[in-house]
Amino acid sequence: MTGGADWRDVKAKAREIDPEWEHPERVARREELRERMLATVSGAQLAEIRKQLGMTQTQLAETAGLSQARISQIENGEHTSLESLRAYVTGLGGHLDVVARIGNIRLDVA
């Protein structure tokens, strides 16, 4: 097995093949897709934690004060509010921390 490709080379090749690669709309679309993928992965991890705790979606919904449908949406990475996510995590017995990072500044928001 050989080493992986250098990311700079991959991006340069993409720009060579597709001159519109850096177009702001294309960049925004890639970022949107990346965020959606991360939300899906995070939702799946939350679902796994819930299952490890021996809870069903219905039980968590009752504990968290959310609908079972909202629990499913969170676990499927669908857009949700901070309040719903906080209720989900609290329902599992956890605490949700929200941190803002702006340059070198780190601010605990909630």
PDB file of N, CA and C in Angstrom:
ATOM      1  N   MET A   1       0.837  -1.170   0.000  1.00  0.00           N
ATOM      2  CA  MET A   1       0.000   0.000   0.000  1.00  0.00           C
ATOM      3  C   MET A   1       0.889   1.243   0.000  1.00  0.00           C
ATOM      4  N   THR A   2       0.547   2.204  -0.810  1.00  0.00           N
ATOM      5  CA  THR A   2       1.338   3.426  -0.885  1.00  0.00           C
ATOM      6  C   THR A   2       0.733   4.485   0.015  1.00  0.00           C
ATOM      7  N   GLY A   3       1.496   5.579   0.249  1.00  0.00           N
ATOM      8  CA  GLY A   3       1.007   6.687   1.059  1.00  0.00           C
ATOM      9  C   GLY A   3      -0.130   7.410   0.358  1.00  0.00           C
ATOM     10  N   GLY A   4      -0.882   8.171   1.113  1.00  0.00           N
ATOM     11  CA  GLY A   4      -1.996   8.925   0.563  1.00  0.00           C
ATOM     12  C   GLY A   4      -1.521  10.113  -0.254  1.00  0.00           C
ATOM     13  N   ALA A   5      -2.435  10.659  -1.013  1.00  0.00           N
ATOM     14  CA  ALA A   5      -2.130  11.826  -1.841  1.00  0.00           C
ATOM     15  C   ALA A   5      -2.103  13.079  -0.967  1.00  0.00           C
ATOM     16  N   ASP A   6      -1.292  14.023  -1.358  1.00  0.00           N
ATOM     17  CA  ASP A   6      -1.234  15.314  -0.675  1.00  0.00           C
ATOM     18  C   ASP A   6      -2.503  16.091  -1.035  1.00  0.00           C
ATOM     19  N   TRP A   7      -3.194  16.597  -0.027  1.00  0.00           N
ATOM     20  CA  TRP A   7      -4.468  17.277  -0.238  1.00  0.00           C
ATOM     21  C   TRP A   7      -4.306  18.488  -1.167  1.00  0.00           C
ATOM     22  N   ARG A   8      -3.183  19.179  -1.087  1.00  0.00           N
ATOM     23  CA  ARG A   8      -2.942  20.320  -1.987  1.00  0.00           C
ATOM     24  C   ARG A   8      -2.913  19.862  -3.440  1.00  0.00           C
ATOM     25  N   ASP A   9      -2.323  18.698  -3.687  1.00  0.00           N
ATOM     26  CA  ASP A   9      -2.275  18.174  -5.051  1.00  0.00           C
ATOM     27  C   ASP A   9      -3.678  17.797  -5.538  1.00  0.00           C
ATOM     28  N   VAL A  10      -4.470  17.215  -4.656  1.00  0.00           N
ATOM     29  CA  VAL A  10      -5.831  16.827  -5.011  1.00  0.00           C
ATOM     30  C   VAL A  10      -6.646  18.067  -5.378  1.00  0.00           C
ATOM     31  N   LYS A  11      -6.545  19.121  -4.555  1.00  0.00           N
ATOM     32  CA  LYS A  11      -7.283  20.352  -4.828  1.00  0.00           C
ATOM     33  C   LYS A  11      -6.799  21.013  -6.124  1.00  0.00           C
ATOM     34  N   ALA A  12      -5.493  21.002  -6.358  1.00  0.00           N
ATOM     35  CA  ALA A  12      -4.948  21.584  -7.587  1.00  0.00           C
ATOM     36  C   ALA A  12      -5.479  20.840  -8.815  1.00  0.00           C
ATOM     37  N   LYS A  13      -5.544  19.521  -8.724  1.00  0.00           N
ATOM     38  CA  LYS A  13      -6.065  18.714  -9.827  1.00  0.00           C
ATOM     39  C   LYS A  13      -7.547  19.011 -10.049  1.00  0.00           C
ATOM     40  N   ALA A  14      -8.286  19.168  -8.973  1.00  0.00           N
ATOM     41  CA  ALA A  14      -9.715  19.486  -9.088  1.00  0.00           C
ATOM     42  C   ALA A  14      -9.902  20.821  -9.794  1.00  0.00           C
ATOM     43  N   ARG A  15      -9.097  21.819  -9.442  1.00  0.00           N
ATOM     44  CA  ARG A  15      -9.178  23.136 -10.093  1.00  0.00           C
ATOM     45  C   ARG A  15      -8.796  23.039 -11.567  1.00  0.00           C
ATOM     46  N   GLU A  16      -7.841  22.177 -11.877  1.00  0.00           N
ATOM     47  CA  GLU A  16      -7.406  21.986 -13.262  1.00  0.00           C
ATOM     48  C   GLU A  16      -8.524  21.362 -14.093  1.00  0.00           C
ATOM     49  N   ILE A  17      -9.171  20.368 -13.534  1.00  0.00           N
ATOM     50  CA  ILE A  17     -10.249  19.663 -14.229  1.00  0.00           C
ATOM     51  C   ILE A  17     -11.499  20.537 -14.326  1.00  0.00           C
ATOM     52  N   ASP A  18     -11.779  21.277 -13.254  1.00  0.00           N
ATOM     53  CA  ASP A  18     -13.006  22.070 -13.172  1.00  0.00           C
ATOM     54  C   ASP A  18     -12.664  23.495 -12.747  1.00  0.00           C
ATOM     55  N   PRO A  19     -12.553  24.412 -13.698  1.00  0.00           N
ATOM     56  CA  PRO A  19     -12.188  25.794 -13.362  1.00  0.00           C
ATOM     57  C   PRO A  19     -13.188  26.474 -12.420  1.00  0.00           C
ATOM     58  N   GLU A  20     -14.393  25.957 -12.333  1.00  0.00           N
ATOM     59  CA  GLU A  20     -15.420  26.537 -11.452  1.00  0.00           C
ATOM     60  C   GLU A  20     -15.318  26.002 -10.023  1.00  0.00           C
ATOM     61  N   TRP A  21     -14.322  25.181  -9.730  1.00  0.00           N
ATOM     62  CA  TRP A  21     -14.157  24.538  -8.423  1.00  0.00           C
ATOM     63  C   TRP A  21     -14.209  25.532  -7.272  1.00  0.00           C
ATOM     64  N   GLU A  22     -13.591  26.700  -7.427  1.00  0.00           N
ATOM     65  CA  GLU A  22     -13.522  27.696  -6.360  1.00  0.00           C
ATOM     66  C   GLU A  22     -14.646  28.732  -6.426  1.00  0.00           C
ATOM     67  N   HIS A  23     -15.611  28.547  -7.324  1.00  0.00           N
ATOM     68  CA  HIS A  23     -16.734  29.483  -7.416  1.00  0.00           C
ATOM     69  C   HIS A  23     -17.458  29.505  -6.063  1.00  0.00           C
ATOM     70  N   PRO A  24     -17.801  30.697  -5.543  1.00  0.00           N
ATOM     71  CA  PRO A  24     -18.404  30.798  -4.206  1.00  0.00           C
ATOM     72  C   PRO A  24     -19.627  29.906  -3.995  1.00  0.00           C
ATOM     73  N   GLU A  25     -20.468  29.762  -4.991  1.00  0.00           N
ATOM     74  CA  GLU A  25     -21.641  28.888  -4.840  1.00  0.00           C
ATOM     75  C   GLU A  25     -21.231  27.429  -4.704  1.00  0.00           C
ATOM     76  N   ARG A  26     -20.213  27.031  -5.447  1.00  0.00           N
ATOM     77  CA  ARG A  26     -19.726  25.651  -5.357  1.00  0.00           C
ATOM     78  C   ARG A  26     -19.078  25.397  -4.002  1.00  0.00           C
ATOM     79  N   VAL A  27     -18.300  26.369  -3.532  1.00  0.00           N
ATOM     80  CA  VAL A  27     -17.662  26.247  -2.219  1.00  0.00           C
ATOM     81  C   VAL A  27     -18.736  26.145  -1.134  1.00  0.00           C
ATOM     82  N   ALA A  28     -19.763  26.990  -1.213  1.00  0.00           N
ATOM     83  CA  ALA A  28     -20.848  26.964  -0.230  1.00  0.00           C
ATOM     84  C   ALA A  28     -21.575  25.620  -0.258  1.00  0.00           C
ATOM     85  N   ARG A  29     -21.786  25.079  -1.437  1.00  0.00           N
ATOM     86  CA  ARG A  29     -22.476  23.787  -1.568  1.00  0.00           C
ATOM     87  C   ARG A  29     -21.649  22.669  -0.937  1.00  0.00           C
ATOM     88  N   ARG A  30     -20.342  22.676  -1.176  1.00  0.00           N
ATOM     89  CA  ARG A  30     -19.483  21.646  -0.564  1.00  0.00           C
ATOM     90  C   ARG A  30     -19.519  21.758   0.952  1.00  0.00           C
ATOM     91  N   GLU A  31     -19.493  22.990   1.467  1.00  0.00           N
ATOM     92  CA  GLU A  31     -19.551  23.192   2.921  1.00  0.00           C
ATOM     93  C   GLU A  31     -20.878  22.700   3.487  1.00  0.00           C
ATOM     94  N   GLU A  32     -21.958  22.962   2.772  1.00  0.00           N
ATOM     95  CA  GLU A  32     -23.276  22.490   3.199  1.00  0.00           C
ATOM     96  C   GLU A  32     -23.311  20.965   3.264  1.00  0.00           C
ATOM     97  N   LEU A  33     -22.765  20.324   2.252  1.00  0.00           N
ATOM     98  CA  LEU A  33     -22.727  18.858   2.230  1.00  0.00           C
ATOM     99  C   LEU A  33     -21.853  18.304   3.348  1.00  0.00           C
ATOM    100  N   ARG A  34     -20.722  18.970   3.614  1.00  0.00           N
ATOM    101  CA  ARG A  34     -19.837  18.545   4.694  1.00  0.00           C
ATOM    102  C   ARG A  34     -20.562  18.645   6.032  1.00  0.00           C
ATOM    103  N   GLU A  35     -21.261  19.748   6.267  1.00  0.00           N
ATOM    104  CA  GLU A  35     -21.990  19.921   7.523  1.00  0.00           C
ATOM    105  C   GLU A  35     -23.096  18.888   7.667  1.00  0.00           C
ATOM    106  N   ARG A  36     -23.774  18.583   6.565  1.00  0.00           N
ATOM    107  CA  ARG A  36     -24.838  17.572   6.606  1.00  0.00           C
ATOM    108  C   ARG A  36     -24.257  16.200   6.949  1.00  0.00           C
ATOM    109  N   MET A  37     -23.084  15.882   6.369  1.00  0.00           N
ATOM    110  CA  MET A  37     -22.446  14.605   6.659  1.00  0.00           C
ATOM    111  C   MET A  37     -22.061  14.519   8.140  1.00  0.00           C
ATOM    112  N   LEU A  38     -21.491  15.604   8.667  1.00  0.00           N
ATOM    113  CA  LEU A  38     -21.107  15.617  10.080  1.00  0.00           C
ATOM    114  C   LEU A  38     -22.317  15.479  10.989  1.00  0.00           C
ATOM    115  N   ALA A  39     -23.423  16.121  10.632  1.00  0.00           N
ATOM    116  CA  ALA A  39     -24.649  16.005  11.427  1.00  0.00           C
ATOM    117  C   ALA A  39     -25.156  14.571  11.428  1.00  0.00           C
ATOM    118  N   THR A  40     -25.069  13.902  10.282  1.00  0.00           N
ATOM    119  CA  THR A  40     -25.508  12.513  10.189  1.00  0.00           C
ATOM    120  C   THR A  40     -24.642  11.610  11.053  1.00  0.00           C
ATOM    121  N   VAL A  41     -23.337  11.818  11.006  1.00  0.00           N
ATOM    122  CA  VAL A  41     -22.416  11.010  11.821  1.00  0.00           C
ATOM    123  C   VAL A  41     -22.678  11.267  13.303  1.00  0.00           C
ATOM    124  N   SER A  42     -22.834  12.529  13.691  1.00  0.00           N
ATOM    125  CA  SER A  42     -23.098  12.858  15.095  1.00  0.00           C
ATOM    126  C   SER A  42     -24.408  12.251  15.557  1.00  0.00           C
ATOM    127  N   GLY A  43     -25.433  12.327  14.710  1.00  0.00           N
ATOM    128  CA  GLY A  43     -26.729  11.742  15.057  1.00  0.00           C
ATOM    129  C   GLY A  43     -26.625  10.248  15.274  1.00  0.00           C
ATOM    130  N   ALA A  44     -25.868   9.585  14.411  1.00  0.00           N
ATOM    131  CA  ALA A  44     -25.681   8.137  14.550  1.00  0.00           C
ATOM    132  C   ALA A  44     -24.940   7.808  15.847  1.00  0.00           C
ATOM    133  N   GLN A  45     -23.975   8.646  16.213  1.00  0.00           N
ATOM    134  CA  GLN A  45     -23.245   8.424  17.465  1.00  0.00           C
ATOM    135  C   GLN A  45     -24.172   8.615  18.670  1.00  0.00           C
ATOM    136  N   LEU A  46     -25.040   9.630  18.612  1.00  0.00           N
ATOM    137  CA  LEU A  46     -26.002   9.830  19.700  1.00  0.00           C
ATOM    138  C   LEU A  46     -26.943   8.631  19.813  1.00  0.00           C
ATOM    139  N   ALA A  47     -27.396   8.122  18.678  1.00  0.00           N
ATOM    140  CA  ALA A  47     -28.276   6.951  18.686  1.00  0.00           C
ATOM    141  C   ALA A  47     -27.569   5.755  19.320  1.00  0.00           C
ATOM    142  N   GLU A  48     -26.303   5.582  18.998  1.00  0.00           N
ATOM    143  CA  GLU A  48     -25.534   4.468  19.574  1.00  0.00           C
ATOM    144  C   GLU A  48     -25.410   4.613  21.086  1.00  0.00           C
ATOM    145  N   ILE A  49     -25.169   5.821  21.559  1.00  0.00           N
ATOM    146  CA  ILE A  49     -25.095   6.056  23.011  1.00  0.00           C
ATOM    147  C   ILE A  49     -26.437   5.737  23.657  1.00  0.00           C
ATOM    148  N   ARG A  50     -27.524   6.199  23.032  1.00  0.00           N
ATOM    149  CA  ARG A  50     -28.862   5.918  23.570  1.00  0.00           C
ATOM    150  C   ARG A  50     -29.072   4.410  23.691  1.00  0.00           C
ATOM    151  N   LYS A  51     -28.716   3.680  22.656  1.00  0.00           N
ATOM    152  CA  LYS A  51     -28.892   2.228  22.667  1.00  0.00           C
ATOM    153  C   LYS A  51     -28.025   1.571  23.736  1.00  0.00           C
ATOM    154  N   GLN A  52     -26.787   2.050  23.902  1.00  0.00           N
ATOM    155  CA  GLN A  52     -25.906   1.507  24.929  1.00  0.00           C
ATOM    156  C   GLN A  52     -26.473   1.737  26.323  1.00  0.00           C
ATOM    157  N   LEU A  53     -27.222   2.829  26.484  1.00  0.00           N
ATOM    158  CA  LEU A  53     -27.863   3.115  27.766  1.00  0.00           C
ATOM    159  C   LEU A  53     -29.164   2.322  27.947  1.00  0.00           C
ATOM    160  N   GLY A  54     -29.519   1.544  26.929  1.00  0.00           N
ATOM    161  CA  GLY A  54     -30.707   0.697  27.012  1.00  0.00           C
ATOM    162  C   GLY A  54     -32.012   1.463  26.868  1.00  0.00           C
ATOM    163  N   MET A  55     -31.981   2.596  26.198  1.00  0.00           N
ATOM    164  CA  MET A  55     -33.184   3.401  26.033  1.00  0.00           C
ATOM    165  C   MET A  55     -33.727   3.285  24.615  1.00  0.00           C
ATOM    166  N   THR A  56     -35.043   3.281  24.502  1.00  0.00           N
ATOM    167  CA  THR A  56     -35.678   3.363  23.192  1.00  0.00           C
ATOM    168  C   THR A  56     -35.875   4.835  22.847  1.00  0.00           C
ATOM    169  N   GLN A  57     -36.189   5.095  21.602  1.00  0.00           N
ATOM    170  CA  GLN A  57     -36.488   6.476  21.215  1.00  0.00           C
ATOM    171  C   GLN A  57     -37.685   7.007  22.000  1.00  0.00           C
ATOM    172  N   THR A  58     -38.681   6.161  22.199  1.00  0.00           N
ATOM    173  CA  THR A  58     -39.878   6.576  22.927  1.00  0.00           C
ATOM    174  C   THR A  58     -39.553   6.915  24.374  1.00  0.00           C
ATOM    175  N   GLN A  59     -38.735   6.099  25.022  1.00  0.00           N
ATOM    176  CA  GLN A  59     -38.342   6.382  26.408  1.00  0.00           C
ATOM    177  C   GLN A  59     -37.560   7.693  26.492  1.00  0.00           C
ATOM    178  N   LEU A  60     -36.636   7.902  25.574  1.00  0.00           N
ATOM    179  CA  LEU A  60     -35.867   9.136  25.579  1.00  0.00           C
ATOM    180  C   LEU A  60     -36.768  10.333  25.312  1.00  0.00           C
ATOM    181  N   ALA A  61     -37.709  10.180  24.399  1.00  0.00           N
ATOM    182  CA  ALA A  61     -38.635  11.264  24.092  1.00  0.00           C
ATOM    183  C   ALA A  61     -39.389  11.699  25.350  1.00  0.00           C
ATOM    184  N   GLU A  62     -39.845  10.731  26.120  1.00  0.00           N
ATOM    185  CA  GLU A  62     -40.574  11.045  27.358  1.00  0.00           C
ATOM    186  C   GLU A  62     -39.656  11.736  28.363  1.00  0.00           C
ATOM    187  N   THR A  63     -38.457  11.234  28.519  1.00  0.00           N
ATOM    188  CA  THR A  63     -37.495  11.814  29.461  1.00  0.00           C
ATOM    189  C   THR A  63     -37.080  13.218  29.040  1.00  0.00           C
ATOM    190  N   ALA A  64     -36.881  13.411  27.730  1.00  0.00           N
ATOM    191  CA  ALA A  64     -36.376  14.681  27.209  1.00  0.00           C
ATOM    192  C   ALA A  64     -37.470  15.709  26.960  1.00  0.00           C
ATOM    193  N   GLY A  65     -38.723  15.274  26.991  1.00  0.00           N
ATOM    194  CA  GLY A  65     -39.811  16.196  26.702  1.00  0.00           C
ATOM    195  C   GLY A  65     -39.900  16.540  25.216  1.00  0.00           C
ATOM    196  N   LEU A  66     -39.488  15.601  24.385  1.00  0.00           N
ATOM    197  CA  LEU A  66     -39.550  15.767  22.938  1.00  0.00           C
ATOM    198  C   LEU A  66     -40.441  14.682  22.353  1.00  0.00           C
ATOM    199  N   SER A  67     -40.827  14.853  21.112  1.00  0.00           N
ATOM    200  CA  SER A  67     -41.583  13.794  20.444  1.00  0.00           C
ATOM    201  C   SER A  67     -40.623  12.709  19.964  1.00  0.00           C
ATOM    202  N   GLN A  68     -41.155  11.516  19.771  1.00  0.00           N
ATOM    203  CA  GLN A  68     -40.334  10.439  19.226  1.00  0.00           C
ATOM    204  C   GLN A  68     -39.852  10.811  17.829  1.00  0.00           C
ATOM    205  N   ALA A  69     -40.678  11.533  17.081  1.00  0.00           N
ATOM    206  CA  ALA A  69     -40.292  11.965  15.734  1.00  0.00           C
ATOM    207  C   ALA A  69     -39.078  12.890  15.791  1.00  0.00           C
ATOM    208  N   ARG A  70     -39.026  13.784  16.778  1.00  0.00           N
ATOM    209  CA  ARG A  70     -37.883  14.703  16.912  1.00  0.00           C
ATOM    210  C   ARG A  70     -36.623  13.909  17.279  1.00  0.00           C
ATOM    211  N   ILE A  71     -36.755  12.903  18.151  1.00  0.00           N
ATOM    212  CA  ILE A  71     -35.613  12.050  18.500  1.00  0.00           C
ATOM    213  C   ILE A  71     -35.073  11.397  17.229  1.00  0.00           C
ATOM    214  N   SER A  72     -35.969  10.885  16.404  1.00  0.00           N
ATOM    215  CA  SER A  72     -35.567  10.246  15.151  1.00  0.00           C
ATOM    216  C   SER A  72     -34.869  11.243  14.231  1.00  0.00           C
ATOM    217  N   GLN A  73     -35.390  12.456  14.143  1.00  0.00           N
ATOM    218  CA  GLN A  73     -34.766  13.478  13.299  1.00  0.00           C
ATOM    219  C   GLN A  73     -33.348  13.786  13.765  1.00  0.00           C
ATOM    220  N   ILE A  74     -33.171  13.920  15.064  1.00  0.00           N
ATOM    221  CA  ILE A  74     -31.835  14.203  15.604  1.00  0.00           C
ATOM    222  C   ILE A  74     -30.883  13.063  15.252  1.00  0.00           C
ATOM    223  N   GLU A  75     -31.339  11.840  15.451  1.00  0.00           N
ATOM    224  CA  GLU A  75     -30.484  10.679  15.190  1.00  0.00           C
ATOM    225  C   GLU A  75     -30.192  10.479  13.709  1.00  0.00           C
ATOM    226  N   ASN A  76     -31.032  11.013  12.854  1.00  0.00           N
ATOM    227  CA  ASN A  76     -30.819  10.908  11.407  1.00  0.00           C
ATOM    228  C   ASN A  76     -30.074  12.105  10.837  1.00  0.00           C
ATOM    229  N   GLY A  77     -29.625  13.001  11.723  1.00  0.00           N
ATOM    230  CA  GLY A  77     -28.823  14.131  11.282  1.00  0.00           C
ATOM    231  C   GLY A  77     -29.603  15.223  10.598  1.00  0.00           C
ATOM    232  N   GLU A  78     -30.921  15.212  10.774  1.00  0.00           N
ATOM    233  CA  GLU A  78     -31.733  16.259  10.183  1.00  0.00           C
ATOM    234  C   GLU A  78     -31.606  17.521  11.025  1.00  0.00           C
ATOM    235  N   HIS A  79     -31.784  18.642  10.396  1.00  0.00           N
ATOM    236  CA  HIS A  79     -31.621  19.926  11.089  1.00  0.00           C
ATOM    237  C   HIS A  79     -32.498  19.974  12.332  1.00  0.00           C
ATOM    238  N   THR A  80     -31.909  20.414  13.409  1.00  0.00           N
ATOM    239  CA  THR A  80     -32.651  20.524  14.657  1.00  0.00           C
ATOM    240  C   THR A  80     -32.205  21.777  15.391  1.00  0.00           C
ATOM    241  N   SER A  81     -32.993  22.190  16.332  1.00  0.00           N
ATOM    242  CA  SER A  81     -32.641  23.384  17.100  1.00  0.00           C
ATOM    243  C   SER A  81     -31.670  23.023  18.225  1.00  0.00           C
ATOM    244  N   LEU A  82     -30.981  24.023  18.701  1.00  0.00           N
ATOM    245  CA  LEU A  82     -30.074  23.838  19.827  1.00  0.00           C
ATOM    246  C   LEU A  82     -30.854  23.375  21.051  1.00  0.00           C
ATOM    247  N   GLU A  83     -32.053  23.906  21.223  1.00  0.00           N
ATOM    248  CA  GLU A  83     -32.883  23.532  22.373  1.00  0.00           C
ATOM    249  C   GLU A  83     -33.246  22.045  22.330  1.00  0.00           C
ATOM    250  N   SER A  84     -33.587  21.540  21.137  1.00  0.00           N
ATOM    251  CA  SER A  84     -33.923  20.118  21.003  1.00  0.00           C
ATOM    252  C   SER A  84     -32.707  19.242  21.272  1.00  0.00           C
ATOM    253  N   LEU A  85     -31.569  19.653  20.756  1.00  0.00           N
ATOM    254  CA  LEU A  85     -30.343  18.885  20.973  1.00  0.00           C
ATOM    255  C   LEU A  85     -29.981  18.878  22.454  1.00  0.00           C
ATOM    256  N   ARG A  86     -30.131  20.020  23.109  1.00  0.00           N
ATOM    257  CA  ARG A  86     -29.854  20.104  24.547  1.00  0.00           C
ATOM    258  C   ARG A  86     -30.797  19.171  25.326  1.00  0.00           C
ATOM    259  N   ALA A  87     -32.076  19.165  24.969  1.00  0.00           N
ATOM    260  CA  ALA A  87     -33.041  18.289  25.636  1.00  0.00           C
ATOM    261  C   ALA A  87     -32.680  16.822  25.414  1.00  0.00           C
ATOM    262  N   TYR A  88     -32.256  16.481  24.210  1.00  0.00           N
ATOM    263  CA  TYR A  88     -31.854  15.110  23.888  1.00  0.00           C
ATOM    264  C   TYR A  88     -30.700  14.682  24.794  1.00  0.00           C
ATOM    265  N   VAL A  89     -29.648  15.497  24.817  1.00  0.00           N
ATOM    266  CA  VAL A  89     -28.455  15.158  25.595  1.00  0.00           C
ATOM    267  C   VAL A  89     -28.780  15.101  27.091  1.00  0.00           C
ATOM    268  N   THR A  90     -29.564  16.045  27.564  1.00  0.00           N
ATOM    269  CA  THR A  90     -29.972  16.053  28.973  1.00  0.00           C
ATOM    270  C   THR A  90     -30.793  14.809  29.290  1.00  0.00           C
ATOM    271  N   GLY A  91     -31.650  14.406  28.360  1.00  0.00           N
ATOM    272  CA  GLY A  91     -32.451  13.196  28.544  1.00  0.00           C
ATOM    273  C   GLY A  91     -31.607  11.940  28.682  1.00  0.00           C
ATOM    274  N   LEU A  92     -30.410  11.972  28.111  1.00  0.00           N
ATOM    275  CA  LEU A  92     -29.478  10.851  28.258  1.00  0.00           C
ATOM    276  C   LEU A  92     -28.652  10.964  29.539  1.00  0.00           C
ATOM    277  N   GLY A  93     -28.854  12.061  30.267  1.00  0.00           N
ATOM    278  CA  GLY A  93     -28.084  12.260  31.495  1.00  0.00           C
ATOM    279  C   GLY A  93     -26.818  13.057  31.283  1.00  0.00           C
ATOM    280  N   GLY A  94     -26.701  13.687  30.123  1.00  0.00           N
ATOM    281  CA  GLY A  94     -25.495  14.437  29.796  1.00  0.00           C
ATOM    282  C   GLY A  94     -25.712  15.934  29.878  1.00  0.00           C
ATOM    283  N   HIS A  95     -24.715  16.665  29.432  1.00  0.00           N
ATOM    284  CA  HIS A  95     -24.747  18.125  29.407  1.00  0.00           C
ATOM    285  C   HIS A  95     -24.191  18.585  28.067  1.00  0.00           C
ATOM    286  N   LEU A  96     -24.875  19.514  27.424  1.00  0.00           N
ATOM    287  CA  LEU A  96     -24.436  20.034  26.132  1.00  0.00           C
ATOM    288  C   LEU A  96     -23.673  21.329  26.345  1.00  0.00           C
ATOM    289  N   ASP A  97     -22.441  21.379  25.873  1.00  0.00           N
ATOM    290  CA  ASP A  97     -21.625  22.597  25.915  1.00  0.00           C
ATOM    291  C   ASP A  97     -21.616  23.207  24.525  1.00  0.00           C
ATOM    292  N   VAL A  98     -21.754  24.516  24.461  1.00  0.00           N
ATOM    293  CA  VAL A  98     -21.678  25.227  23.192  1.00  0.00           C
ATOM    294  C   VAL A  98     -20.506  26.193  23.283  1.00  0.00           C
ATOM    295  N   VAL A  99     -19.607  26.084  22.321  1.00  0.00           N
ATOM    296  CA  VAL A  99     -18.399  26.898  22.322  1.00  0.00           C
ATOM    297  C   VAL A  99     -18.314  27.662  21.006  1.00  0.00           C
ATOM    298  N   ALA A 100     -18.010  28.963  21.107  1.00  0.00           N
ATOM    299  CA  ALA A 100     -17.760  29.777  19.922  1.00  0.00           C
ATOM    300  C   ALA A 100     -16.251  29.976  19.803  1.00  0.00           C
ATOM    301  N   ARG A 101     -15.723  29.739  18.600  1.00  0.00           N
ATOM    302  CA  ARG A 101     -14.300  29.976  18.334  1.00  0.00           C
ATOM    303  C   ARG A 101     -14.206  31.029  17.249  1.00  0.00           C
ATOM    304  N   ILE A 102     -13.594  32.140  17.593  1.00  0.00           N
ATOM    305  CA  ILE A 102     -13.423  33.232  16.656  1.00  0.00           C
ATOM    306  C   ILE A 102     -11.946  33.594  16.668  1.00  0.00           C
ATOM    307  N   GLY A 103     -11.255  33.215  15.607  1.00  0.00           N
ATOM    308  CA  GLY A 103      -9.806  33.399  15.593  1.00  0.00           C
ATOM    309  C   GLY A 103      -9.190  32.598  16.726  1.00  0.00           C
ATOM    310  N   ASN A 104      -8.393  33.257  17.554  1.00  0.00           N
ATOM    311  CA  ASN A 104      -7.762  32.601  18.699  1.00  0.00           C
ATOM    312  C   ASN A 104      -8.608  32.682  19.959  1.00  0.00           C
ATOM    313  N   ILE A 105      -9.804  33.233  19.844  1.00  0.00           N
ATOM    314  CA  ILE A 105     -10.671  33.411  21.009  1.00  0.00           C
ATOM    315  C   ILE A 105     -11.609  32.219  21.120  1.00  0.00           C
ATOM    316  N   ARG A 106     -11.732  31.690  22.329  1.00  0.00           N
ATOM    317  CA  ARG A 106     -12.658  30.598  22.624  1.00  0.00           C
ATOM    318  C   ARG A 106     -13.613  31.100  23.687  1.00  0.00           C
ATOM    319  N   LEU A 107     -14.913  31.036  23.385  1.00  0.00           N
ATOM    320  CA  LEU A 107     -15.927  31.551  24.293  1.00  0.00           C
ATOM    321  C   LEU A 107     -16.959  30.475  24.565  1.00  0.00           C
ATOM    322  N   ASP A 108     -17.137  30.111  25.854  1.00  0.00           N
ATOM    323  CA  ASP A 108     -18.204  29.185  26.225  1.00  0.00           C
ATOM    324  C   ASP A 108     -19.518  29.956  26.174  1.00  0.00           C
ATOM    325  N   VAL A 109     -20.380  29.580  25.238  1.00  0.00           N
ATOM    326  CA  VAL A 109     -21.623  30.302  25.013  1.00  0.00           C
ATOM    327  C   VAL A 109     -22.744  29.756  25.896  1.00  0.00           C
ATOM    328  N   ALA A 110     -22.828  28.455  25.990  1.00  0.00           N
ATOM    329  CA  ALA A 110     -23.894  27.849  26.796  1.00  0.00           C
ATOM    330  C   ALA A 110     -23.462  26.487  27.286  1.00  0.00           C
TER     331      ALA A 110
END
